Protein backbone atom coordinates (compact mmCIF):
# COMPACT_ATOMS: atom_id res chain seq x y z
CA MET A 1 -21.13 7.29 -2.01
CA LYS A 2 -19.30 9.66 -4.33
CA LYS A 3 -21.62 8.81 -7.25
CA ALA A 4 -24.67 9.69 -5.13
CA VAL A 5 -23.55 13.33 -4.71
CA PRO A 6 -24.78 15.61 -7.50
CA PHE A 7 -22.04 17.43 -9.38
CA GLY A 8 -21.28 20.83 -7.90
CA ALA A 9 -23.16 20.13 -4.67
CA LEU A 10 -21.79 21.41 -1.37
CA ALA A 11 -20.92 18.33 0.66
CA LEU A 12 -19.81 17.56 4.19
CA SER A 13 -18.14 14.29 4.88
CA TYR A 14 -18.39 13.35 8.55
CA ILE A 15 -16.13 10.43 9.33
CA ASP A 16 -16.40 8.78 12.74
CA PRO A 17 -14.63 5.42 12.57
CA TYR A 18 -15.44 2.93 15.29
CA ASN A 19 -11.74 2.09 15.24
CA LEU A 20 -8.98 3.80 13.29
CA GLU A 21 -7.96 0.34 12.06
CA TYR A 22 -11.06 0.31 9.85
CA LEU A 23 -10.49 3.72 8.21
CA SER A 24 -8.54 3.60 5.00
CA PHE A 25 -7.07 6.85 3.69
CA SER A 26 -8.19 5.81 0.22
CA VAL A 27 -11.78 6.53 1.31
CA ILE A 28 -10.81 10.12 2.12
CA GLU A 29 -8.85 10.44 -1.14
CA ARG A 30 -11.90 9.32 -3.21
CA LEU A 31 -14.26 11.68 -1.41
CA ALA A 32 -11.77 14.57 -1.81
CA LYS A 33 -12.36 14.38 -5.57
CA LEU A 34 -15.79 15.88 -5.08
CA GLN A 35 -15.89 19.43 -6.40
CA HIS A 36 -16.91 21.04 -3.07
CA VAL A 37 -16.35 18.92 0.05
CA ASP A 38 -15.40 19.64 3.63
CA PHE A 39 -14.35 16.94 6.07
CA ALA A 40 -15.02 16.50 9.75
CA VAL A 41 -13.04 13.49 11.01
CA HIS A 42 -13.42 12.31 14.63
CA PHE A 43 -10.44 10.62 16.22
CA SER A 44 -11.23 9.24 19.66
CA ILE A 45 -8.50 10.51 21.99
CA MET A 46 -9.92 8.48 24.92
CA ASP A 47 -9.65 5.26 22.88
CA LEU A 48 -6.14 6.18 21.79
CA HIS A 49 -5.03 6.84 25.36
CA ARG A 50 -6.51 3.58 26.57
CA ASN A 51 -4.90 1.50 23.85
CA ILE A 52 -1.77 3.51 23.06
CA ASP A 53 0.79 0.80 23.99
CA MET A 54 -0.92 -1.69 21.71
CA GLU A 55 -1.46 0.83 18.90
CA LEU A 56 2.19 1.97 18.88
CA ASP A 57 3.50 -1.58 18.57
CA PRO A 58 5.31 -1.60 15.18
CA LYS A 59 4.31 -5.27 14.61
CA ARG A 60 0.65 -4.31 14.84
CA ASP A 61 0.74 -0.97 12.92
CA LEU A 62 -3.00 -0.65 12.23
CA PHE A 63 -2.73 3.11 11.57
CA LYS A 64 -0.77 2.73 8.38
CA ASP A 65 -3.90 2.56 6.19
CA ALA A 66 -5.60 5.56 7.80
CA LEU A 67 -2.48 7.70 8.20
CA PRO A 68 0.13 6.62 5.65
CA GLY A 69 3.70 7.48 6.69
CA TRP A 70 2.75 8.64 10.21
CA ARG A 71 5.68 6.78 11.83
CA ASP A 72 8.11 8.75 9.68
CA ARG A 73 6.66 12.06 10.91
CA VAL A 74 6.39 11.32 14.66
CA PRO A 75 9.60 11.56 16.70
CA ALA A 76 10.60 8.23 18.30
CA GLU A 77 10.50 9.77 21.81
CA ALA A 78 6.82 10.60 21.25
CA LEU A 79 5.90 6.97 20.68
CA SER A 80 5.14 6.03 24.29
CA LYS A 81 2.31 6.40 26.78
CA LYS A 82 4.58 8.63 28.91
CA SER A 83 4.73 11.23 26.13
CA LEU A 84 0.94 11.80 26.06
CA PRO A 85 -0.58 14.69 28.02
CA ASN A 86 -2.76 13.69 31.02
């Protein structure tokens, strides 16, 4: 995709992953090398609420590719369904 954007063009990258598991941060890093690019990234809060217990399971850890190091930045007490706003 990056090669298809003319040099110096104003670009908008709209990222709407079906599932955060399938979004790799390396995609964002490559697109960020464009000279002029803005990002709009959609994270489905409804999906996260519905699947939070499964997504926060350290054995599963599907967010590590999309959000490297996120577990180190989120307090342990925040890693539960009870901690989410209603």
